[in-house]
């Protein structure tokens, strides 16, 4: 069903939201967490149609409010999470995805930004928590701008890194903060690369 969805929406979405993905070769073959900034509800759909293998996305429960949107987001691999509480079912589902050797996409800012200034918000602890529990690499991703009709956009995928110094530990809140700072640093490095690329292009 997933690949049927890819074929069905790739052309109309690709025409309406022309997006170039740079660095797809950096995605490892096995399990990993893709940590990206968040500009739009289209972020997951664009990644799904521009990369072949199915990925799974941690997504707020509000996206599943009606049958049509629920069908679309479930179809591309979204895992519903209630952000108002500690959603154990969502956490278990995400860890299973990684244990099964698949890719999990998390937007660690926790909310969307229009990103016209190409900024990165506060990086929350979710990426670090899953990466250290599952012992999988993290791949930073940066979306240049919020998708708009017929506006060309770029998405940068960086090289994977590991939080291996935190593996096998019962992490304190201080440890989790340090691990999340590493994630934020790597995402910001990719953001700087995106900014420099845009400057050179001009």
N, C-alpha and C. Protein backbone atom coordinates (compact mmCIF):
# COMPACT_ATOMS: atom_id res chain seq x y z
N UNK A 1 0.82 -1.21 0.00
CA UNK A 1 0.00 0.00 0.00
C UNK A 1 0.86 1.27 0.00
N UNK A 2 1.98 1.20 0.73
CA UNK A 2 2.83 2.38 0.82
C UNK A 2 3.35 2.81 -0.54
N UNK A 3 3.87 1.84 -1.32
CA UNK A 3 4.43 2.19 -2.63
C UNK A 3 3.33 2.63 -3.60
N UNK A 4 2.13 2.11 -3.44
CA UNK A 4 0.99 2.59 -4.23
C UNK A 4 0.75 4.07 -3.91
N UNK A 5 0.81 4.41 -2.61
CA UNK A 5 0.65 5.81 -2.20
C UNK A 5 1.73 6.68 -2.82
N UNK A 6 2.98 6.19 -2.81
CA UNK A 6 4.07 6.95 -3.40
C UNK A 6 3.78 7.29 -4.86
N UNK A 7 3.39 6.27 -5.63
CA UNK A 7 3.13 6.47 -7.05
C UNK A 7 1.93 7.39 -7.27
N UNK A 8 0.92 7.25 -6.42
CA UNK A 8 -0.33 8.01 -6.60
C UNK A 8 -0.14 9.50 -6.38
N UNK A 9 0.69 9.86 -5.40
CA UNK A 9 0.79 11.28 -5.05
C UNK A 9 2.09 11.93 -5.49
N UNK A 10 3.06 11.12 -5.95
CA UNK A 10 4.38 11.68 -6.29
C UNK A 10 4.30 12.77 -7.34
N UNK A 11 3.56 12.54 -8.41
CA UNK A 11 3.50 13.53 -9.48
C UNK A 11 2.77 14.81 -9.07
N UNK A 12 1.53 14.74 -8.54
CA UNK A 12 0.87 15.99 -8.16
C UNK A 12 1.60 16.77 -7.07
N UNK A 13 2.11 16.05 -6.05
CA UNK A 13 2.84 16.74 -4.97
C UNK A 13 4.15 17.31 -5.51
N UNK A 14 4.83 16.52 -6.35
CA UNK A 14 6.10 16.97 -6.91
C UNK A 14 5.96 18.22 -7.77
N UNK A 15 4.85 18.32 -8.50
CA UNK A 15 4.60 19.49 -9.34
C UNK A 15 4.23 20.70 -8.48
N UNK A 16 3.34 20.48 -7.53
CA UNK A 16 2.86 21.60 -6.70
C UNK A 16 3.91 22.09 -5.71
N UNK A 17 4.75 21.16 -5.23
CA UNK A 17 5.76 21.52 -4.23
C UNK A 17 7.13 20.99 -4.69
N UNK A 18 7.74 21.65 -5.68
CA UNK A 18 9.03 21.16 -6.21
C UNK A 18 10.13 21.21 -5.15
N UNK A 19 10.63 20.04 -4.79
CA UNK A 19 11.58 19.94 -3.69
C UNK A 19 12.76 19.07 -4.09
N UNK A 20 13.94 19.57 -3.85
CA UNK A 20 15.15 18.79 -4.14
C UNK A 20 15.75 18.28 -2.84
N UNK A 21 15.95 16.97 -2.75
CA UNK A 21 16.56 16.36 -1.58
C UNK A 21 18.05 16.16 -1.85
N UNK A 22 18.87 16.73 -0.99
CA UNK A 22 20.33 16.67 -1.14
C UNK A 22 20.92 15.82 -0.03
N UNK A 23 21.71 14.82 -0.40
CA UNK A 23 22.37 13.97 0.58
C UNK A 23 21.64 12.68 0.90
N UNK A 24 20.77 12.21 0.00
CA UNK A 24 20.03 10.97 0.27
C UNK A 24 20.97 9.78 0.48
N UNK A 25 22.15 9.85 -0.11
CA UNK A 25 23.12 8.76 0.04
C UNK A 25 23.60 8.62 1.49
N UNK A 26 23.35 9.64 2.31
CA UNK A 26 23.77 9.58 3.72
C UNK A 26 22.86 8.70 4.57
N UNK A 27 21.71 8.32 4.04
CA UNK A 27 20.80 7.47 4.80
C UNK A 27 21.36 6.05 4.87
N UNK A 28 21.60 5.52 6.06
CA UNK A 28 22.11 4.15 6.17
C UNK A 28 21.05 3.13 5.76
N UNK A 29 21.48 1.92 5.49
CA UNK A 29 20.54 0.89 5.05
C UNK A 29 19.66 0.38 6.18
N UNK A 30 20.19 0.31 7.38
CA UNK A 30 19.44 -0.25 8.50
C UNK A 30 18.70 0.79 9.31
N UNK A 31 18.46 0.45 10.55
CA UNK A 31 17.71 1.32 11.45
C UNK A 31 18.45 2.62 11.72
N UNK A 32 17.70 3.70 11.83
CA UNK A 32 18.26 4.99 12.23
C UNK A 32 17.10 5.90 12.60
N UNK A 33 17.45 7.01 13.23
CA UNK A 33 16.48 8.07 13.51
C UNK A 33 16.83 9.26 12.65
N UNK A 34 15.88 9.75 11.89
CA UNK A 34 16.06 10.97 11.11
C UNK A 34 15.49 12.12 11.94
N UNK A 35 16.36 13.05 12.31
CA UNK A 35 15.96 14.19 13.15
C UNK A 35 15.88 15.43 12.28
N UNK A 36 14.68 15.95 12.12
CA UNK A 36 14.47 17.07 11.19
C UNK A 36 13.75 18.23 11.85
N UNK A 37 14.02 19.43 11.34
CA UNK A 37 13.17 20.56 11.70
C UNK A 37 11.79 20.34 11.08
N UNK A 38 10.82 21.12 11.51
CA UNK A 38 9.43 20.85 11.12
C UNK A 38 8.79 22.14 10.61
N UNK A 39 8.41 22.14 9.32
CA UNK A 39 7.87 23.36 8.72
C UNK A 39 6.40 23.24 8.34
N UNK A 40 5.92 22.01 8.14
CA UNK A 40 4.59 21.82 7.57
C UNK A 40 4.12 20.38 7.78
N UNK A 41 2.80 20.17 7.72
CA UNK A 41 2.27 18.81 7.75
C UNK A 41 2.65 18.04 6.49
N UNK A 42 3.19 18.72 5.49
CA UNK A 42 3.65 18.07 4.27
C UNK A 42 5.05 17.47 4.41
N UNK A 43 5.74 17.79 5.48
CA UNK A 43 7.13 17.33 5.63
C UNK A 43 7.25 15.81 5.47
N UNK A 44 6.39 15.09 6.18
CA UNK A 44 6.44 13.62 6.13
C UNK A 44 6.09 13.10 4.74
N UNK A 45 5.11 13.73 4.11
CA UNK A 45 4.67 13.28 2.78
C UNK A 45 5.78 13.51 1.76
N UNK A 46 6.44 14.65 1.82
CA UNK A 46 7.53 14.94 0.88
C UNK A 46 8.68 13.96 1.05
N UNK A 47 9.03 13.65 2.29
CA UNK A 47 10.10 12.68 2.52
C UNK A 47 9.69 11.30 2.01
N UNK A 48 8.43 10.96 2.21
CA UNK A 48 7.94 9.65 1.78
C UNK A 48 8.01 9.48 0.26
N UNK A 49 7.72 10.53 -0.49
CA UNK A 49 7.69 10.37 -1.95
C UNK A 49 9.06 10.58 -2.59
N UNK A 50 9.99 11.19 -1.85
CA UNK A 50 11.31 11.45 -2.42
C UNK A 50 12.36 10.40 -2.02
N UNK A 51 12.02 9.51 -1.12
CA UNK A 51 12.91 8.40 -0.76
C UNK A 51 12.09 7.12 -0.83
N UNK A 52 12.70 6.07 -1.35
CA UNK A 52 11.92 4.89 -1.71
C UNK A 52 11.42 4.08 -0.53
N UNK A 53 12.29 3.74 0.41
CA UNK A 53 11.89 2.83 1.48
C UNK A 53 10.98 3.51 2.51
N UNK A 54 10.04 2.72 3.01
CA UNK A 54 9.08 3.25 3.98
C UNK A 54 9.77 3.65 5.27
N UNK A 55 9.34 4.77 5.81
CA UNK A 55 9.83 5.25 7.09
C UNK A 55 8.64 5.44 8.02
N UNK A 56 8.94 5.57 9.28
CA UNK A 56 7.88 5.74 10.27
C UNK A 56 8.07 7.08 10.96
N UNK A 57 6.97 7.73 11.28
CA UNK A 57 7.01 9.11 11.75
C UNK A 57 6.24 9.24 13.05
N UNK A 58 6.85 9.88 14.02
CA UNK A 58 6.15 10.19 15.26
C UNK A 58 5.29 11.42 14.99
N UNK A 59 3.96 11.28 15.09
CA UNK A 59 3.06 12.35 14.67
C UNK A 59 1.99 12.61 15.73
N UNK A 60 1.67 13.87 15.92
CA UNK A 60 0.66 14.24 16.91
C UNK A 60 -0.71 13.65 16.56
N UNK A 61 -1.48 13.32 17.58
CA UNK A 61 -2.76 12.64 17.39
C UNK A 61 -3.75 13.51 16.61
N UNK A 62 -3.57 14.82 16.64
CA UNK A 62 -4.51 15.72 15.96
C UNK A 62 -4.53 15.48 14.43
N UNK A 63 -3.44 14.93 13.88
CA UNK A 63 -3.40 14.66 12.44
C UNK A 63 -4.35 13.53 12.04
N UNK A 64 -4.81 12.78 13.03
CA UNK A 64 -5.69 11.64 12.77
C UNK A 64 -7.15 11.99 13.08
N UNK A 65 -7.47 13.27 13.04
CA UNK A 65 -8.79 13.74 13.49
C UNK A 65 -9.94 13.26 12.61
N UNK A 66 -9.70 13.07 11.33
CA UNK A 66 -10.76 12.56 10.46
C UNK A 66 -10.26 11.37 9.65
N UNK A 67 -11.19 10.64 9.03
CA UNK A 67 -10.85 9.37 8.37
C UNK A 67 -9.90 9.56 7.19
N UNK A 68 -10.07 10.65 6.45
CA UNK A 68 -9.23 10.88 5.27
C UNK A 68 -7.78 11.12 5.68
N UNK A 69 -7.58 12.07 6.59
CA UNK A 69 -6.21 12.38 7.02
C UNK A 69 -5.60 11.19 7.77
N UNK A 70 -6.42 10.49 8.56
CA UNK A 70 -5.92 9.34 9.30
C UNK A 70 -5.43 8.26 8.34
N UNK A 71 -6.18 8.05 7.25
CA UNK A 71 -5.79 7.04 6.26
C UNK A 71 -4.48 7.41 5.59
N UNK A 72 -4.33 8.69 5.23
CA UNK A 72 -3.11 9.16 4.57
C UNK A 72 -1.90 9.00 5.49
N UNK A 73 -2.03 9.50 6.71
CA UNK A 73 -0.88 9.49 7.61
C UNK A 73 -0.53 8.08 8.09
N UNK A 74 -1.53 7.25 8.30
CA UNK A 74 -1.24 5.85 8.63
C UNK A 74 -0.56 5.16 7.45
N UNK A 75 -1.01 5.51 6.25
CA UNK A 75 -0.47 4.89 5.04
C UNK A 75 1.00 5.16 4.84
N UNK A 76 1.46 6.34 5.25
CA UNK A 76 2.88 6.65 5.06
C UNK A 76 3.72 6.25 6.27
N UNK A 77 3.06 5.71 7.31
CA UNK A 77 3.82 5.18 8.44
C UNK A 77 3.83 6.04 9.70
N UNK A 78 2.85 6.91 9.85
CA UNK A 78 2.83 7.77 11.03
C UNK A 78 2.35 7.00 12.27
N UNK A 79 3.02 7.24 13.37
CA UNK A 79 2.68 6.64 14.66
C UNK A 79 2.06 7.74 15.52
N UNK A 80 0.82 7.54 15.90
CA UNK A 80 0.09 8.56 16.65
C UNK A 80 0.59 8.67 18.08
N UNK A 81 0.84 9.92 18.51
CA UNK A 81 1.26 10.14 19.89
C UNK A 81 0.45 11.26 20.51
N UNK A 82 0.08 11.07 21.76
CA UNK A 82 -0.61 12.10 22.55
C UNK A 82 0.46 12.90 23.26
N UNK A 83 0.64 14.14 22.83
CA UNK A 83 1.72 14.97 23.39
C UNK A 83 1.41 15.52 24.77
N UNK A 84 0.17 15.33 25.21
CA UNK A 84 -0.23 15.87 26.51
C UNK A 84 0.12 14.93 27.66
N UNK A 85 0.58 13.73 27.33
CA UNK A 85 0.91 12.78 28.38
C UNK A 85 2.06 11.88 27.92
N UNK A 86 2.55 11.06 28.82
CA UNK A 86 3.57 10.08 28.46
C UNK A 86 2.88 8.91 27.76
N UNK A 87 2.96 8.88 26.45
CA UNK A 87 2.23 7.90 25.65
C UNK A 87 3.07 6.63 25.50
N UNK A 88 2.87 5.69 26.41
CA UNK A 88 3.68 4.46 26.45
C UNK A 88 3.50 3.64 25.17
N UNK A 89 2.29 3.59 24.65
CA UNK A 89 2.04 2.80 23.44
C UNK A 89 2.84 3.34 22.25
N UNK A 90 2.90 4.67 22.13
CA UNK A 90 3.66 5.29 21.04
C UNK A 90 5.15 5.02 21.22
N UNK A 91 5.64 5.10 22.46
CA UNK A 91 7.05 4.85 22.73
C UNK A 91 7.42 3.41 22.37
N UNK A 92 6.59 2.47 22.77
CA UNK A 92 6.84 1.06 22.44
C UNK A 92 6.82 0.83 20.94
N UNK A 93 5.88 1.49 20.25
CA UNK A 93 5.78 1.32 18.79
C UNK A 93 7.03 1.85 18.10
N UNK A 94 7.56 2.98 18.58
CA UNK A 94 8.77 3.56 17.99
C UNK A 94 9.98 2.67 18.23
N UNK A 95 10.10 2.13 19.43
CA UNK A 95 11.24 1.25 19.72
C UNK A 95 11.17 -0.03 18.90
N UNK A 96 9.96 -0.52 18.65
CA UNK A 96 9.81 -1.72 17.82
C UNK A 96 10.24 -1.45 16.38
N UNK A 97 9.88 -0.26 15.88
CA UNK A 97 10.31 0.13 14.53
C UNK A 97 11.82 0.05 14.41
N UNK A 98 12.51 0.60 15.39
CA UNK A 98 13.98 0.60 15.36
C UNK A 98 14.55 -0.79 15.58
N UNK A 99 13.94 -1.56 16.46
CA UNK A 99 14.39 -2.93 16.70
C UNK A 99 14.25 -3.78 15.44
N UNK A 100 13.24 -3.49 14.64
CA UNK A 100 13.00 -4.23 13.40
C UNK A 100 13.89 -3.76 12.24
N UNK A 101 14.81 -2.84 12.54
CA UNK A 101 15.75 -2.39 11.52
C UNK A 101 15.20 -1.34 10.57
N UNK A 102 14.17 -0.63 11.00
CA UNK A 102 13.53 0.37 10.13
C UNK A 102 13.90 1.78 10.58
N UNK A 103 13.43 2.75 9.83
CA UNK A 103 13.80 4.14 10.08
C UNK A 103 12.65 4.91 10.73
N UNK A 104 13.01 5.69 11.73
CA UNK A 104 12.04 6.49 12.46
C UNK A 104 12.37 7.97 12.27
N UNK A 105 11.37 8.75 11.89
CA UNK A 105 11.56 10.20 11.69
C UNK A 105 10.93 10.94 12.86
N UNK A 106 11.71 11.81 13.47
CA UNK A 106 11.22 12.62 14.59
C UNK A 106 11.51 14.09 14.31
N UNK A 107 10.54 14.92 14.63
CA UNK A 107 10.72 16.38 14.52
C UNK A 107 10.93 16.91 15.95
N UNK A 108 12.18 17.01 16.40
CA UNK A 108 12.45 17.25 17.82
C UNK A 108 12.10 18.64 18.34
N UNK A 109 11.76 19.56 17.45
CA UNK A 109 11.30 20.86 17.93
C UNK A 109 9.91 20.73 18.56
N UNK A 110 9.18 19.69 18.16
CA UNK A 110 7.87 19.43 18.75
C UNK A 110 6.73 20.23 18.18
N UNK A 111 7.03 21.16 17.29
CA UNK A 111 5.99 21.98 16.68
C UNK A 111 6.50 22.53 15.36
N UNK A 112 5.57 23.02 14.54
CA UNK A 112 5.97 23.55 13.23
C UNK A 112 6.41 25.01 13.34
N UNK A 113 7.35 25.40 12.46
CA UNK A 113 7.74 26.80 12.31
C UNK A 113 7.74 27.13 10.82
N UNK A 114 7.45 28.37 10.46
CA UNK A 114 7.39 28.69 9.02
C UNK A 114 8.77 28.71 8.38
N UNK A 115 9.80 28.88 9.21
CA UNK A 115 11.20 28.72 8.80
C UNK A 115 11.67 29.66 7.70
N UNK A 116 11.01 30.78 7.51
CA UNK A 116 11.47 31.73 6.50
C UNK A 116 12.85 32.27 6.85
N UNK A 117 13.19 32.26 8.14
CA UNK A 117 14.51 32.72 8.56
C UNK A 117 15.52 31.60 8.69
N UNK A 118 15.11 30.38 8.29
CA UNK A 118 15.97 29.19 8.38
C UNK A 118 16.55 29.03 9.77
N UNK A 119 15.68 29.06 10.77
CA UNK A 119 16.11 28.92 12.15
C UNK A 119 15.75 27.53 12.66
N UNK A 120 16.35 27.16 13.76
CA UNK A 120 16.05 25.89 14.41
C UNK A 120 15.62 26.17 15.84
N UNK A 121 14.46 25.64 16.22
CA UNK A 121 13.95 25.84 17.57
C UNK A 121 14.63 24.94 18.58
N UNK A 122 14.12 24.93 19.78
CA UNK A 122 14.68 24.09 20.85
C UNK A 122 14.52 22.61 20.49
N UNK A 123 15.60 21.88 20.63
CA UNK A 123 15.59 20.44 20.35
C UNK A 123 15.26 19.70 21.64
N UNK A 124 14.11 19.03 21.64
CA UNK A 124 13.67 18.31 22.82
C UNK A 124 14.35 16.93 22.89
N UNK A 125 14.05 16.17 23.95
CA UNK A 125 14.83 14.98 24.29
C UNK A 125 14.45 13.70 23.55
N UNK A 126 13.39 13.72 22.77
CA UNK A 126 12.89 12.49 22.16
C UNK A 126 13.91 11.74 21.31
N UNK A 127 14.63 12.45 20.46
CA UNK A 127 15.62 11.81 19.59
C UNK A 127 16.69 11.13 20.42
N UNK A 128 17.23 11.84 21.41
CA UNK A 128 18.28 11.28 22.25
C UNK A 128 17.78 10.06 23.01
N UNK A 129 16.55 10.12 23.51
CA UNK A 129 16.00 9.00 24.27
C UNK A 129 15.91 7.74 23.41
N UNK A 130 15.31 7.86 22.23
CA UNK A 130 15.14 6.69 21.36
C UNK A 130 16.49 6.19 20.83
N UNK A 131 17.37 7.12 20.46
CA UNK A 131 18.67 6.73 19.90
C UNK A 131 19.52 5.97 20.90
N UNK A 132 19.48 6.39 22.16
CA UNK A 132 20.30 5.72 23.17
C UNK A 132 19.67 4.40 23.63
N UNK A 133 18.36 4.35 23.69
CA UNK A 133 17.68 3.10 24.08
C UNK A 133 17.86 2.02 23.01
N UNK A 134 17.69 2.42 21.73
CA UNK A 134 17.76 1.46 20.63
C UNK A 134 19.18 1.29 20.09
N UNK A 135 20.10 2.19 20.49
CA UNK A 135 21.49 2.16 20.04
C UNK A 135 21.57 2.21 18.51
N UNK A 136 20.95 3.21 17.95
CA UNK A 136 20.95 3.40 16.50
C UNK A 136 21.51 4.78 16.16
N UNK A 137 22.04 4.95 14.95
CA UNK A 137 22.56 6.27 14.54
C UNK A 137 21.44 7.28 14.32
N UNK A 138 21.82 8.54 14.40
CA UNK A 138 20.91 9.65 14.12
C UNK A 138 21.37 10.33 12.84
N UNK A 139 20.42 10.63 11.97
CA UNK A 139 20.71 11.33 10.72
C UNK A 139 20.03 12.70 10.76
N UNK A 140 20.79 13.79 10.79
CA UNK A 140 20.17 15.11 10.80
C UNK A 140 19.58 15.46 9.44
N UNK A 141 18.48 16.18 9.45
CA UNK A 141 17.86 16.65 8.21
C UNK A 141 17.39 18.08 8.42
N UNK A 142 17.52 18.90 7.38
CA UNK A 142 17.10 20.29 7.51
C UNK A 142 16.29 20.70 6.29
N UNK A 143 15.07 21.17 6.55
CA UNK A 143 14.17 21.64 5.49
C UNK A 143 14.35 23.14 5.35
N UNK A 144 14.73 23.56 4.17
CA UNK A 144 15.10 24.97 3.96
C UNK A 144 13.96 25.93 4.29
N UNK A 145 12.77 25.67 3.73
CA UNK A 145 11.64 26.57 3.93
C UNK A 145 10.34 25.78 4.00
N UNK A 146 9.31 26.43 4.51
CA UNK A 146 7.98 25.82 4.50
C UNK A 146 7.52 25.63 3.06
N UNK A 147 7.00 24.44 2.72
CA UNK A 147 6.53 24.22 1.35
C UNK A 147 5.40 25.18 0.98
N UNK A 148 5.53 25.76 -0.22
CA UNK A 148 4.47 26.62 -0.76
C UNK A 148 4.26 26.26 -2.22
N UNK A 149 3.05 26.48 -2.70
CA UNK A 149 2.71 26.15 -4.07
C UNK A 149 3.75 26.69 -5.06
N UNK A 150 4.33 25.79 -5.84
CA UNK A 150 5.21 26.10 -6.96
C UNK A 150 6.51 26.81 -6.56
N UNK A 151 6.79 26.88 -5.26
CA UNK A 151 8.06 27.46 -4.83
C UNK A 151 9.10 26.35 -4.67
N UNK A 152 10.24 26.54 -5.29
CA UNK A 152 11.30 25.54 -5.19
C UNK A 152 11.87 25.51 -3.78
N UNK A 153 12.14 24.32 -3.32
CA UNK A 153 12.63 24.16 -1.95
C UNK A 153 13.74 23.11 -1.94
N UNK A 154 14.51 23.11 -0.86
CA UNK A 154 15.58 22.13 -0.71
C UNK A 154 15.52 21.50 0.66
N UNK A 155 15.85 20.22 0.71
CA UNK A 155 15.95 19.49 1.97
C UNK A 155 17.33 18.85 2.01
N UNK A 156 18.05 19.08 3.10
CA UNK A 156 19.42 18.58 3.24
C UNK A 156 19.44 17.42 4.23
N UNK A 157 20.08 16.34 3.84
CA UNK A 157 20.23 15.18 4.71
C UNK A 157 21.72 15.03 5.04
N UNK A 158 22.04 15.10 6.32
CA UNK A 158 23.43 15.06 6.75
C UNK A 158 23.94 13.66 7.01
N UNK A 159 25.19 13.57 7.42
CA UNK A 159 25.82 12.28 7.70
C UNK A 159 25.36 11.76 9.07
N UNK A 160 25.21 10.44 9.18
CA UNK A 160 24.78 9.86 10.46
C UNK A 160 25.85 10.00 11.54
N UNK A 161 25.39 10.08 12.77
CA UNK A 161 26.29 10.09 13.93
C UNK A 161 25.65 9.25 15.03
N UNK A 162 26.48 8.84 16.00
CA UNK A 162 25.97 8.01 17.09
C UNK A 162 26.19 8.69 18.44
N UNK A 163 25.28 8.40 19.35
CA UNK A 163 25.41 8.88 20.73
C UNK A 163 25.96 7.75 21.59
N UNK A 164 26.98 7.06 21.07
CA UNK A 164 27.47 5.84 21.71
C UNK A 164 28.06 6.05 23.10
N UNK A 165 28.48 7.27 23.40
CA UNK A 165 29.02 7.50 24.74
C UNK A 165 27.94 7.40 25.81
N UNK A 166 26.66 7.41 25.37
CA UNK A 166 25.55 7.32 26.31
C UNK A 166 24.90 5.93 26.31
N UNK A 167 25.40 5.02 25.50
CA UNK A 167 24.82 3.68 25.43
C UNK A 167 25.06 2.91 26.73
N UNK A 168 24.09 2.07 27.07
CA UNK A 168 24.25 1.16 28.21
C UNK A 168 24.20 1.83 29.57
N UNK A 169 23.75 3.08 29.62
CA UNK A 169 23.67 3.80 30.89
C UNK A 169 22.21 4.07 31.25
N UNK A 170 21.96 4.18 32.53
CA UNK A 170 20.69 4.72 32.97
C UNK A 170 20.86 6.23 33.01
N UNK A 171 20.33 6.90 32.01
CA UNK A 171 20.64 8.32 31.82
C UNK A 171 19.90 9.21 32.82
N UNK A 172 20.65 10.07 33.45
CA UNK A 172 20.06 11.10 34.31
C UNK A 172 19.51 12.21 33.43
N UNK A 173 18.79 13.13 34.02
CA UNK A 173 18.26 14.26 33.26
C UNK A 173 19.41 15.09 32.68
N UNK A 174 20.52 15.14 33.42
CA UNK A 174 21.69 15.88 32.94
C UNK A 174 22.31 15.18 31.72
N UNK A 175 22.39 13.85 31.78
CA UNK A 175 22.90 13.08 30.64
C UNK A 175 22.02 13.28 29.41
N UNK A 176 20.71 13.23 29.64
CA UNK A 176 19.78 13.39 28.52
C UNK A 176 19.91 14.78 27.90
N UNK A 177 20.15 15.76 28.73
CA UNK A 177 20.34 17.12 28.24
C UNK A 177 21.61 17.20 27.38
N UNK A 178 22.68 16.55 27.84
CA UNK A 178 23.93 16.55 27.08
C UNK A 178 23.77 15.83 25.75
N UNK A 179 23.07 14.70 25.76
CA UNK A 179 22.85 13.95 24.53
C UNK A 179 22.02 14.78 23.54
N UNK A 180 21.02 15.47 24.05
CA UNK A 180 20.17 16.31 23.20
C UNK A 180 20.94 17.50 22.64
N UNK A 181 21.91 17.99 23.41
CA UNK A 181 22.77 19.08 22.93
C UNK A 181 23.61 18.63 21.73
N UNK A 182 24.05 17.36 21.76
CA UNK A 182 24.80 16.82 20.62
C UNK A 182 23.90 16.78 19.38
N UNK A 183 22.66 16.33 19.57
CA UNK A 183 21.70 16.30 18.45
C UNK A 183 21.49 17.70 17.89
N UNK A 184 21.27 18.67 18.78
CA UNK A 184 21.05 20.05 18.35
C UNK A 184 22.27 20.60 17.61
N UNK A 185 23.46 20.27 18.10
CA UNK A 185 24.69 20.74 17.47
C UNK A 185 24.81 20.21 16.04
N UNK A 186 24.52 18.92 15.86
CA UNK A 186 24.60 18.32 14.52
C UNK A 186 23.55 18.90 13.59
N UNK A 187 22.36 19.14 14.10
CA UNK A 187 21.31 19.73 13.27
C UNK A 187 21.67 21.17 12.88
N UNK A 188 22.27 21.89 13.82
CA UNK A 188 22.68 23.26 13.52
C UNK A 188 23.84 23.32 12.53
N UNK A 189 24.73 22.33 12.59
CA UNK A 189 25.81 22.26 11.60
C UNK A 189 25.24 22.09 10.20
N UNK A 190 24.21 21.26 10.08
CA UNK A 190 23.57 21.05 8.79
C UNK A 190 22.82 22.32 8.36
N UNK A 191 22.22 22.98 9.32
CA UNK A 191 21.54 24.26 9.03
C UNK A 191 22.53 25.28 8.48
N UNK A 192 23.71 25.35 9.08
CA UNK A 192 24.74 26.28 8.60
C UNK A 192 25.17 25.91 7.18
N UNK A 193 25.28 24.62 6.93
CA UNK A 193 25.64 24.17 5.58
C UNK A 193 24.57 24.60 4.59
N UNK A 194 23.31 24.44 4.97
CA UNK A 194 22.20 24.85 4.11
C UNK A 194 22.23 26.36 3.84
N UNK A 195 22.51 27.13 4.88
CA UNK A 195 22.60 28.58 4.74
C UNK A 195 23.74 28.97 3.79
N UNK A 196 24.90 28.34 3.97
CA UNK A 196 26.05 28.63 3.11
C UNK A 196 25.77 28.24 1.66
N UNK A 197 25.10 27.12 1.47
CA UNK A 197 24.76 26.68 0.11
C UNK A 197 23.83 27.66 -0.56
N UNK A 198 22.88 28.19 0.21
CA UNK A 198 21.94 29.16 -0.33
C UNK A 198 22.65 30.45 -0.70
N UNK A 199 23.61 30.87 0.14
CA UNK A 199 24.38 32.10 -0.12
C UNK A 199 25.22 31.95 -1.39
N UNK A 200 25.87 30.79 -1.55
CA UNK A 200 26.68 30.55 -2.75
C UNK A 200 25.84 30.52 -4.01
N UNK A 201 24.63 29.95 -3.85
CA UNK A 201 23.72 29.87 -5.00
C UNK A 201 23.34 31.25 -5.51
N UNK A 202 23.16 32.19 -4.55
CA UNK A 202 22.81 33.56 -4.94
C UNK A 202 23.98 34.26 -5.61
